Amino acid sequence: MKKLFMASLLGSAIAFCTSAMAQDLKALEDAARKEGAVNSVGMPDAWANWKGTWEDLASKYGLKHSDTDMSSAQEIAKFDAEKDNASADIGDVGAAFGPIAASKGVTQPYKPSTWDQVPSWAKDQDGHWALAYTGTIAFIINKDLVKEGERPTSWHDLEKGKYKVAIGDVGTAAQAANGVLAAAIAYKGSESNIEPGLQLFTKLAQQKRLSLANPTIQTLEKGEVEVGVVWDFNGLSYRDQIDPKRFEVLIPSDGSVTSGYTTIINKYAKHPNAAKLAREYIFSDAGQTNLAIGHARPIRAEHLKLPADVQAKLLPNEQYKAAQPIKDAAAWEATSKALPQKWQEQVIIEME
């Protein structure tokens, strides 16, 4: 009898919680509809298929959208500078920048209803940030410019090539900073010891083989990048948008780093409920599938059954054997803060 009573109580509690959550989500949806818009920074259509999410939010909830593309550091600076005159509601920043944004006091918390399915390493316990998708540093190779047999499959291969390597702005972009960390890991470095990665890029700079081009869809399409260092989802997206036959995307076989990106909701947002609803949707099954369509690995991948054609947009699992997640987030946070100056002093100086 006791067991039946307890089971009944538990069932009632679960039903109550589910009902309360549904009411909360309905209230959030209603409030977001009234606001009518959500303005983002660093969430352009082509990156991780944000386009699919913005289109869904428009069709389902009537939210108009605009985006201004910028780096992680620029997004946080914008939130901080504009304060009560905020033009942005939500942004997407590299994992190391989530805690930085929270510590600066420019974010507001929101835990989506799928919160329990987000791994503990990938979220702030109070809900100020949470990784929606992971990325692993990869190479994108222009096969028209780098002949077969000369194409790199590892960081060590870069040392003996003739092609130029483009990584982008290490001082402001999370993708570029993680590229240096991935190289460091391949040379037995770590989150607290970035020197081996800096040494590799210093060598490339000395050989006049470090390109200052940012590996974007525009520079790749124009043929300005021979070998680019990018997140896997960006590389795959660029390849498919430009010409799948022209580009090869691969994870370096001697080491890489898996990190991710987190939404941050502006503390001063003019459309705070629309921003929270956007995060709610991003962490839903549909939102997570949208990210996978953009070649990004959803953070809730273990709880999702992706359609076969969407699963095919990701690289094969065996490519990731030498990739590792960030093991010491605090050390990487400190290192990434010091990295721009080191990059300038050790690498860029060699190009002058």
Protein backbone atom coordinates (compact mmCIF):
# COMPACT_ATOMS: atom_id res chain seq x y z
CA MET A 1 0.00 0.00 0.00
CA LYS A 2 2.85 2.32 0.95
CA LYS A 3 4.55 1.66 -2.38
CA LEU A 4 1.34 2.38 -4.26
CA PHE A 5 0.84 5.57 -2.26
CA MET A 6 4.44 6.70 -2.91
CA ALA A 7 4.15 5.87 -6.61
CA SER A 8 0.92 7.85 -6.75
CA LEU A 9 2.57 10.79 -5.00
CA LEU A 10 5.56 10.62 -7.35
CA GLY A 11 3.29 10.44 -10.39
CA SER A 12 1.33 13.44 -9.14
CA ALA A 13 4.54 15.39 -8.52
CA ILE A 14 5.85 14.64 -12.01
CA ALA A 15 2.51 15.59 -13.56
CA PHE A 16 2.47 18.81 -11.53
CA CYS A 17 6.05 19.68 -12.59
CA THR A 18 5.27 18.90 -16.24
CA SER A 19 2.13 21.01 -16.08
CA ALA A 20 3.98 23.88 -14.37
CA MET A 21 6.75 23.72 -16.97
CA ALA A 22 4.23 23.81 -19.81
CA GLN A 23 2.57 26.84 -18.20
CA ASP A 24 5.93 28.56 -17.78
CA LEU A 25 6.81 27.91 -21.43
CA LYS A 26 3.41 29.18 -22.57
CA ALA A 27 3.91 32.37 -20.53
CA LEU A 28 7.40 32.78 -22.01
CA GLU A 29 6.07 32.25 -25.53
CA ASP A 30 3.28 34.81 -24.99
CA ALA A 31 5.74 37.38 -23.59
CA ALA A 32 8.15 36.78 -26.51
CA ARG A 33 5.34 37.21 -29.06
CA LYS A 34 4.51 40.59 -27.51
CA GLU A 35 8.15 41.69 -27.84
CA GLY A 36 8.01 40.56 -31.48
CA ALA A 37 11.73 40.56 -32.27
CA VAL A 38 15.10 39.12 -31.27
CA ASN A 39 18.37 40.78 -32.25
CA SER A 40 21.53 38.70 -32.16
CA VAL A 41 25.27 39.22 -32.46
CA GLY A 42 27.70 36.61 -33.78
CA MET A 43 24.88 34.33 -35.00
CA PRO A 44 24.89 34.81 -38.80
CA ASP A 45 22.75 32.62 -41.08
CA ALA A 46 25.65 30.57 -42.49
CA TRP A 47 27.27 29.74 -39.12
CA ALA A 48 26.03 26.37 -37.77
CA ASN A 49 22.80 26.89 -39.73
CA TRP A 50 21.48 29.66 -37.47
CA LYS A 51 19.33 30.53 -40.49
CA GLY A 52 17.13 27.49 -39.78
CA THR A 53 16.57 28.57 -36.18
CA TRP A 54 15.72 32.17 -37.06
CA GLU A 55 13.28 30.98 -39.74
CA ASP A 56 11.60 28.63 -37.24
CA LEU A 57 11.33 31.36 -34.59
CA ALA A 58 9.77 33.66 -37.19
CA SER A 59 7.24 31.11 -38.47
CA LYS A 60 6.31 29.61 -35.07
CA TYR A 61 6.38 32.70 -32.84
CA GLY A 62 6.36 35.70 -35.18
CA LEU A 63 9.81 36.91 -34.08
CA LYS A 64 11.58 39.26 -36.47
CA HIS A 65 15.35 38.87 -36.45
CA SER A 66 18.53 40.75 -37.28
CA ASP A 67 22.17 39.80 -36.70
CA THR A 68 25.44 41.69 -36.58
CA ASP A 69 28.38 39.32 -36.99
CA MET A 70 31.28 39.91 -34.61
CA SER A 71 33.85 38.03 -32.55
CA SER A 72 33.28 36.70 -29.02
CA ALA A 73 35.32 39.48 -27.41
CA GLN A 74 33.48 42.14 -29.42
CA GLU A 75 30.08 40.76 -28.38
CA ILE A 76 30.88 41.01 -24.67
CA ALA A 77 32.34 44.50 -25.13
CA LYS A 78 29.15 45.55 -26.94
CA PHE A 79 26.87 44.27 -24.14
CA ASP A 80 29.04 46.12 -21.62
CA ALA A 81 29.33 49.39 -23.56
CA GLU A 82 25.68 49.78 -24.57
CA LYS A 83 24.09 48.77 -21.26
CA ASP A 84 20.55 50.27 -21.07
CA ASN A 85 20.77 51.35 -24.71
CA ALA A 86 21.17 47.71 -25.79
CA SER A 87 20.80 46.87 -29.48
CA ALA A 88 21.52 43.14 -28.97
CA ASP A 89 19.47 40.58 -27.04
CA ILE A 90 21.49 37.41 -27.45
CA GLY A 91 24.96 36.38 -28.68
CA ASP A 92 26.94 33.22 -29.36
CA VAL A 93 30.47 33.10 -27.95
CA GLY A 94 33.28 30.58 -27.62
CA ALA A 95 33.21 28.41 -24.48
CA ALA A 96 36.04 30.32 -22.78
CA PHE A 97 34.08 33.56 -23.19
CA GLY A 98 30.94 32.34 -21.38
CA PRO A 99 32.47 32.63 -17.88
CA ILE A 100 34.13 35.93 -18.88
CA ALA A 101 30.75 37.40 -19.89
CA ALA A 102 29.15 36.20 -16.64
CA SER A 103 31.99 37.59 -14.51
CA LYS A 104 31.59 40.98 -16.20
CA GLY A 105 27.95 41.00 -15.15
CA VAL A 106 26.52 41.48 -18.65
CA THR A 107 24.43 38.29 -18.83
CA GLN A 108 21.13 37.08 -17.42
CA PRO A 109 20.41 33.41 -16.65
CA TYR A 110 17.91 31.10 -18.32
CA LYS A 111 17.81 27.31 -18.06
CA PRO A 112 15.95 25.64 -20.95
CA SER A 113 13.56 22.77 -20.19
CA THR A 114 16.14 20.24 -21.50
CA TRP A 115 18.74 21.52 -19.00
CA ASP A 116 19.31 18.13 -17.35
CA GLN A 117 20.47 16.68 -20.69
CA VAL A 118 23.30 19.21 -21.00
CA PRO A 119 26.55 17.76 -19.53
CA SER A 120 27.76 19.50 -16.37
CA TRP A 121 31.07 20.51 -18.00
CA ALA A 122 29.15 22.35 -20.71
CA LYS A 123 27.05 24.71 -18.57
CA ASP A 124 27.07 27.33 -15.84
CA GLN A 125 25.25 26.03 -12.77
CA ASP A 126 23.14 29.19 -12.59
CA GLY A 127 22.23 29.20 -16.29
CA HIS A 128 24.25 32.21 -17.44
CA TRP A 129 25.79 30.14 -20.24
CA ALA A 130 25.50 26.64 -21.73
CA LEU A 131 27.12 25.11 -24.80
CA ALA A 132 24.50 24.34 -27.46
CA TYR A 133 26.93 22.58 -29.79
CA THR A 134 30.52 21.42 -29.95
CA GLY A 135 33.19 22.09 -32.51
CA THR A 136 36.52 20.38 -33.13
CA ILE A 137 39.40 22.18 -34.83
CA ALA A 138 39.88 20.93 -38.39
CA PHE A 139 41.79 21.73 -41.57
CA ILE A 140 40.00 22.88 -44.72
CA ILE A 141 42.20 22.34 -47.78
CA ASN A 142 41.70 23.88 -51.22
CA LYS A 143 42.46 20.89 -53.46
CA ASP A 144 42.88 23.16 -56.50
CA LEU A 145 45.77 24.97 -54.77
CA VAL A 146 47.37 22.14 -52.76
CA LYS A 147 48.18 19.08 -54.83
CA GLU A 148 47.49 15.52 -53.71
CA GLY A 149 50.47 14.15 -51.82
CA GLU A 150 51.21 17.60 -50.38
CA ARG A 151 47.94 17.95 -48.46
CA PRO A 152 48.41 17.92 -44.70
CA THR A 153 46.66 15.38 -42.47
CA SER A 154 48.42 16.47 -39.26
CA TRP A 155 49.89 19.54 -37.57
CA HIS A 156 53.37 18.05 -38.05
CA ASP A 157 52.72 17.98 -41.81
CA LEU A 158 52.33 21.78 -41.78
CA GLU A 159 56.04 22.20 -40.95
CA LYS A 160 57.20 20.73 -44.24
CA GLY A 161 54.60 22.10 -46.66
CA LYS A 162 54.93 24.87 -49.25
CA TYR A 163 51.35 26.19 -48.96
CA LYS A 164 50.25 29.09 -46.74
CA VAL A 165 48.20 28.43 -43.59
CA ALA A 166 45.36 30.77 -42.54
CA ILE A 167 44.10 30.77 -38.96
CA GLY A 168 42.44 34.19 -38.59
CA ASP A 169 42.63 36.71 -35.75
CA VAL A 170 43.92 34.89 -32.66
CA GLY A 171 43.41 38.05 -30.61
CA THR A 172 39.62 38.19 -30.97
CA ALA A 173 38.21 34.96 -32.42
CA ALA A 174 37.57 31.83 -30.33
CA GLN A 175 38.03 29.64 -33.43
CA ALA A 176 41.56 30.96 -34.02
CA ALA A 177 42.57 30.77 -30.34
CA ASN A 178 41.38 27.16 -30.16
CA GLY A 179 43.36 26.47 -33.34
CA VAL A 180 46.55 27.42 -31.49
CA LEU A 181 45.51 25.21 -28.55
CA ALA A 182 44.82 22.27 -30.89
CA ALA A 183 48.32 22.64 -32.37
CA ALA A 184 49.80 22.83 -28.87
CA ILE A 185 48.03 19.58 -27.90
CA ALA A 186 49.50 17.83 -30.97
CA TYR A 187 52.96 18.88 -29.75
CA LYS A 188 52.32 17.67 -26.16
CA GLY A 189 51.20 21.07 -24.87
CA SER A 190 48.05 21.77 -22.87
CA GLU A 191 45.57 24.44 -21.77
CA SER A 192 48.24 25.88 -19.47
CA ASN A 193 51.13 25.38 -21.93
CA ILE A 194 50.34 26.95 -25.28
CA GLU A 195 54.00 27.43 -26.25
CA PRO A 196 54.29 24.39 -28.57
CA GLY A 197 51.40 25.76 -30.65
CA LEU A 198 52.92 29.24 -30.75
CA GLN A 199 56.25 27.73 -31.84
CA LEU A 200 54.61 26.00 -34.82
CA PHE A 201 52.98 29.24 -36.03
CA THR A 202 56.20 31.17 -35.39
CA LYS A 203 57.97 28.72 -37.74
CA LEU A 204 55.27 29.26 -40.37
CA ALA A 205 55.63 33.05 -39.99
CA GLN A 206 59.43 32.78 -40.37
CA GLN A 207 58.92 30.71 -43.53
CA LYS A 208 56.50 33.42 -44.81
CA ARG A 209 53.82 30.73 -44.86
CA LEU A 210 51.40 32.22 -42.32
CA SER A 211 48.53 33.87 -44.16
CA LEU A 212 46.78 36.83 -42.55
CA ALA A 213 43.59 35.99 -44.45
CA ASN A 214 40.69 35.01 -42.23
CA PRO A 215 39.41 31.57 -43.38
CA THR A 216 35.82 32.56 -44.19
CA ILE A 217 33.45 31.49 -46.93
CA GLN A 218 34.38 34.64 -48.90
CA THR A 219 38.17 34.18 -48.76
CA LEU A 220 37.88 30.45 -49.46
CA GLU A 221 35.62 31.01 -52.44
CA LYS A 222 38.01 33.60 -53.87
CA GLY A 223 40.92 31.16 -53.55
CA GLU A 224 42.71 33.30 -50.95
CA VAL A 225 43.12 30.36 -48.53
CA GLU A 226 45.19 27.27 -49.33
CA VAL A 227 44.92 25.57 -45.92
CA GLY A 228 42.62 27.01 -43.27
CA VAL A 229 42.30 26.21 -39.56
CA VAL A 230 38.59 26.19 -38.71
CA TRP A 231 35.95 24.49 -36.59
CA ASP A 232 34.77 21.27 -38.26
CA PHE A 233 31.22 22.61 -38.67
CA ASN A 234 32.47 25.75 -40.39
CA GLY A 235 34.76 23.82 -42.71
CA LEU A 236 32.01 21.38 -43.70
CA SER A 237 29.53 24.20 -44.21
CA TYR A 238 31.95 26.23 -46.35
CA ARG A 239 32.86 23.14 -48.40
CA ASP A 240 29.23 22.30 -49.15
CA GLN A 241 28.25 25.89 -49.91
CA ILE A 242 31.13 26.57 -52.30
CA ASP A 243 31.97 23.24 -53.97
CA PRO A 244 32.32 19.86 -52.20
CA LYS A 245 34.78 18.68 -54.88
CA ARG A 246 37.09 21.65 -54.38
CA PHE A 247 37.66 21.31 -50.63
CA GLU A 248 38.67 18.60 -48.18
CA VAL A 249 37.87 18.86 -44.46
CA LEU A 250 39.60 16.67 -41.88
CA ILE A 251 40.52 16.53 -38.19
CA PRO A 252 44.33 16.55 -37.73
CA SER A 253 45.42 13.02 -36.86
CA ASP A 254 48.01 14.03 -34.24
CA GLY A 255 45.70 16.03 -32.00
CA SER A 256 42.87 18.51 -31.85
CA VAL A 257 40.60 20.18 -29.34
CA THR A 258 36.85 19.90 -28.92
CA SER A 259 35.13 22.92 -27.46
CA GLY A 260 31.91 24.65 -28.30
CA TYR A 261 29.83 27.77 -28.33
CA THR A 262 27.38 29.13 -25.80
CA THR A 263 24.56 31.58 -26.12
CA ILE A 264 24.72 34.55 -23.75
CA ILE A 265 21.59 36.57 -23.05
CA ASN A 266 22.21 40.28 -22.62
CA LYS A 267 21.41 41.47 -19.08
CA TYR A 268 20.13 44.70 -20.65
CA ALA A 269 18.19 43.04 -23.54
CA LYS A 270 15.25 45.02 -24.95
CA HIS A 271 13.61 41.69 -25.87
CA PRO A 272 14.62 39.46 -22.92
CA ASN A 273 11.74 36.96 -23.28
CA ALA A 274 12.38 36.55 -27.00
CA ALA A 275 16.06 35.88 -26.18
CA LYS A 276 15.09 33.26 -23.58
CA LEU A 277 12.64 31.64 -26.01
CA ALA A 278 15.43 31.55 -28.61
CA ARG A 279 17.66 29.67 -26.14
CA GLU A 280 14.76 27.34 -25.26
CA TYR A 281 14.29 26.54 -28.95
CA ILE A 282 18.03 26.11 -29.60
CA PHE A 283 18.14 23.36 -26.92
CA SER A 284 14.96 21.63 -28.15
CA ASP A 285 15.12 18.59 -30.47
CA ALA A 286 14.25 20.78 -33.46
CA GLY A 287 16.84 23.42 -32.56
CA GLN A 288 19.54 20.83 -31.97
CA THR A 289 18.74 19.19 -35.32
CA ASN A 290 19.02 22.61 -37.00
CA LEU A 291 22.57 22.91 -35.65
CA ALA A 292 23.43 19.42 -36.96
CA ILE A 293 22.09 20.45 -40.39
CA GLY A 294 24.76 23.19 -40.14
CA HIS A 295 27.39 20.46 -39.49
CA ALA A 296 27.65 21.30 -35.75
CA ARG A 297 27.55 18.46 -33.21
CA PRO A 298 24.57 19.08 -30.90
CA ILE A 299 25.33 19.11 -27.16
CA ARG A 300 22.32 16.81 -26.60
CA ALA A 301 23.52 14.35 -29.28
CA GLU A 302 23.14 11.33 -26.97
CA HIS A 303 19.47 12.15 -26.46
CA LEU A 304 18.68 12.75 -30.14
CA LYS A 305 17.90 10.50 -33.08
CA LEU A 306 19.11 12.51 -36.04
CA PRO A 307 17.73 11.71 -39.52
CA ALA A 308 20.24 9.76 -41.63
CA ASP A 309 20.72 12.61 -44.10
CA VAL A 310 21.51 15.01 -41.22
CA GLN A 311 23.90 12.53 -39.56
CA ALA A 312 25.71 12.34 -42.93
CA LYS A 313 26.52 16.07 -42.68
CA LEU A 314 28.94 15.35 -39.81
CA LEU A 315 32.44 13.88 -40.15
CA PRO A 316 32.85 10.14 -39.37
CA ASN A 317 33.49 9.35 -35.69
CA GLU A 318 36.91 7.80 -36.39
CA GLN A 319 38.21 11.23 -37.44
CA TYR A 320 37.95 12.35 -33.80
CA LYS A 321 40.24 9.74 -32.22
CA ALA A 322 43.00 12.23 -31.37
CA ALA A 323 40.64 15.08 -30.41
CA GLN A 324 40.11 15.88 -26.75
CA PRO A 325 37.76 18.19 -24.87
CA ILE A 326 39.16 21.10 -22.88
CA LYS A 327 40.28 19.43 -19.64
CA ASP A 328 41.15 22.48 -17.57
CA ALA A 329 38.70 25.30 -18.29
CA ALA A 330 40.21 27.66 -15.68
CA ALA A 331 43.72 27.23 -17.10
CA TRP A 332 42.47 27.77 -20.65
CA GLU A 333 40.58 30.88 -19.57
CA ALA A 334 43.82 32.35 -18.17
CA THR A 335 45.88 31.23 -21.18
CA SER A 336 43.38 32.55 -23.73
CA LYS A 337 43.46 35.97 -22.03
CA ALA A 338 47.27 36.10 -22.35
CA LEU A 339 47.32 34.60 -25.86
CA PRO A 340 46.68 37.78 -27.95
CA GLN A 341 49.78 39.52 -26.57
CA LYS A 342 51.94 36.39 -26.95
CA TRP A 343 50.70 35.95 -30.53
CA GLN A 344 51.65 39.53 -31.33
CA GLU A 345 55.06 39.33 -29.65
CA GLN A 346 56.11 35.88 -30.90
CA VAL A 347 54.30 35.26 -34.18
CA ILE A 348 53.15 38.48 -35.85
CA ILE A 349 56.50 40.17 -35.22
CA GLU A 350 58.11 37.53 -37.46
CA MET A 351 55.97 38.72 -40.37
CA GLU A 352 57.20 42.33 -40.20
